[in-house]
Protein backbone atom coordinates (compact mmCIF):
# COMPACT_ATOMS: atom_id res chain seq x y z
CA GLY A 1 213.98 156.75 40.41
CA ARG A 2 214.98 156.58 44.04
CA PRO A 3 213.63 153.72 46.18
CA ILE A 4 210.79 154.58 48.52
CA LEU A 5 211.78 153.96 52.12
CA LEU A 6 209.18 152.92 54.64
CA GLN A 7 209.90 153.70 58.27
CA GLU A 8 209.25 150.84 60.64
CA ALA A 9 206.68 151.73 63.28
CA ALA A 10 208.36 152.15 66.65
CA HIS A 11 205.73 149.95 68.27
CA MET A 12 202.95 148.27 66.31
CA LYS A 13 199.77 147.62 68.29
CA VAL A 14 199.16 143.89 68.48
CA SER A 15 195.97 142.36 69.84
CA ALA A 16 194.99 138.69 69.96
CA LYS A 17 191.81 136.69 70.38
CA ILE A 18 191.60 132.97 71.05
CA THR A 19 189.07 131.59 68.55
CA ALA A 20 189.19 127.92 69.62
CA GLN A 21 190.52 125.91 72.59
CA PHE A 22 191.25 122.20 72.68
CA GLU A 23 191.51 119.77 75.59
CA ASP A 24 192.03 116.50 73.73
CA GLU A 25 193.98 117.49 70.62
CA GLY A 26 197.42 116.35 71.75
CA ARG A 27 199.86 119.23 71.84
CA LEU A 28 197.52 121.70 70.11
CA LYS A 29 195.89 123.85 72.78
CA ALA A 30 194.31 126.78 70.92
CA ILE A 31 193.87 128.71 67.69
CA ALA A 32 194.25 132.48 67.72
CA THR A 33 193.66 135.47 65.48
CA VAL A 34 196.06 138.41 65.73
CA CYS A 35 195.25 141.97 64.66
CA LEU A 36 198.10 144.30 63.71
CA ASP A 37 197.52 148.02 64.26
CA GLY A 38 193.79 147.46 63.82
CA LYS A 39 194.44 147.06 60.08
CA PHE A 40 195.60 143.52 59.33
CA LEU A 41 194.35 140.14 60.64
CA ILE A 42 196.35 136.93 60.81
CA THR A 43 194.18 133.86 61.41
CA GLY A 44 195.16 130.29 62.15
CA ILE A 45 197.92 131.02 64.67
CA ARG A 46 198.42 127.90 66.80
CA VAL A 47 199.25 127.61 70.50
CA ALA A 48 200.92 124.27 71.26
CA ASP A 49 202.38 122.63 74.33
CA CYS A 50 205.99 121.74 73.50
CA GLU A 51 208.90 120.38 75.50
CA LYS A 52 209.94 123.89 76.61
CA GLY A 53 206.38 125.00 77.42
CA LEU A 54 203.77 126.79 75.36
CA ALA A 55 204.82 127.90 71.88
CA VAL A 56 203.14 130.04 69.23
CA PHE A 57 203.21 128.94 65.58
CA MET A 58 202.30 131.12 62.63
CA PRO A 59 199.88 129.79 59.98
CA SER A 60 201.56 127.36 57.60
CA ARG A 61 200.87 125.19 54.59
CA LYS A 62 202.04 121.68 53.84
CA LEU A 63 204.44 121.34 50.93
CA LYS A 64 204.53 118.39 48.53
CA THR A 65 207.63 117.20 50.39
CA GLY A 66 205.57 116.86 53.57
CA ASP A 67 207.34 119.79 55.22
CA TYR A 68 205.46 122.80 56.49
CA LYS A 69 206.24 126.39 55.51
CA ASP A 70 204.97 129.47 57.34
CA ILE A 71 202.62 131.59 55.25
CA CYS A 72 203.54 134.78 57.12
CA PHE A 73 205.91 135.51 59.95
CA PRO A 74 207.49 138.38 61.89
CA ILE A 75 210.95 139.32 60.65
CA THR A 76 212.50 140.84 63.74
CA PRO A 77 213.00 138.96 67.02
CA GLU A 78 211.38 141.85 68.91
CA PHE A 79 208.18 141.68 66.85
CA HIS A 80 208.14 137.88 67.08
CA LYS A 81 208.28 138.20 70.89
CA GLN A 82 205.53 140.84 70.88
CA ILE A 83 203.19 138.57 68.91
CA LYS A 84 204.08 135.52 71.00
CA ASP A 85 203.57 137.34 74.31
CA THR A 86 200.25 138.83 73.16
CA VAL A 87 198.90 135.45 71.98
CA LEU A 88 200.03 133.63 75.15
CA SER A 89 198.48 136.35 77.31
CA ALA A 90 195.17 135.99 75.44
CA TYR A 91 195.41 132.19 75.85
CA GLU A 92 196.00 132.40 79.60
CA LYS A 93 193.10 134.85 79.94
CA ALA A 94 190.82 132.60 77.86
CA LYS A 95 191.65 129.61 80.10
CA GLN A 96 190.40 131.42 83.19
CA PRO A 97 186.86 130.46 84.13
CA GLU A 98 184.68 133.44 83.53
CA GLU A 99 183.55 134.98 86.77
CA GLU A 100 179.83 134.92 87.09
CA THR A 101 178.57 138.41 87.54
CA PRO A 102 175.62 138.43 89.90
CA LEU A 103 172.42 139.67 88.40
CA PRO A 104 171.37 143.06 89.74
CA GLU A 105 168.69 142.95 92.38
CA ARG A 106 165.32 143.68 90.86
CA GLU A 107 163.00 146.04 92.58
CA PRO A 108 159.86 144.17 93.64
CA GLU A 109 157.04 145.14 91.37
CA ALA A 110 154.24 147.02 93.05
CA GLU A 111 151.12 145.07 93.68
CA PRO A 112 148.34 146.17 91.38
CA GLN A 113 145.86 148.40 93.19
CA GLY A 114 142.29 147.38 92.80
């Protein structure tokens, strides 16, 4: 049989949500979840402050040797950049203090007639 070829999507939709933020965890600043094309979630993505600025790390597991190995990762540099940029954008947005929306003015209730 002939191999089945899958065409790479020209542009996969990537969205990110910051699920936790840290102030006193050393270099670790946040944990994110990424959704790919609304069909696949990747949890446990870490945002860390490194020597060259903020970096995004895919979920990993610790090997018996003490080294860490990514569980999943983007293959192309373009897709890696897309995920990184999306996560960092979500992180910057999550750091912003939420603007307090003023409560709508309530109409004064009519005095009961009587």
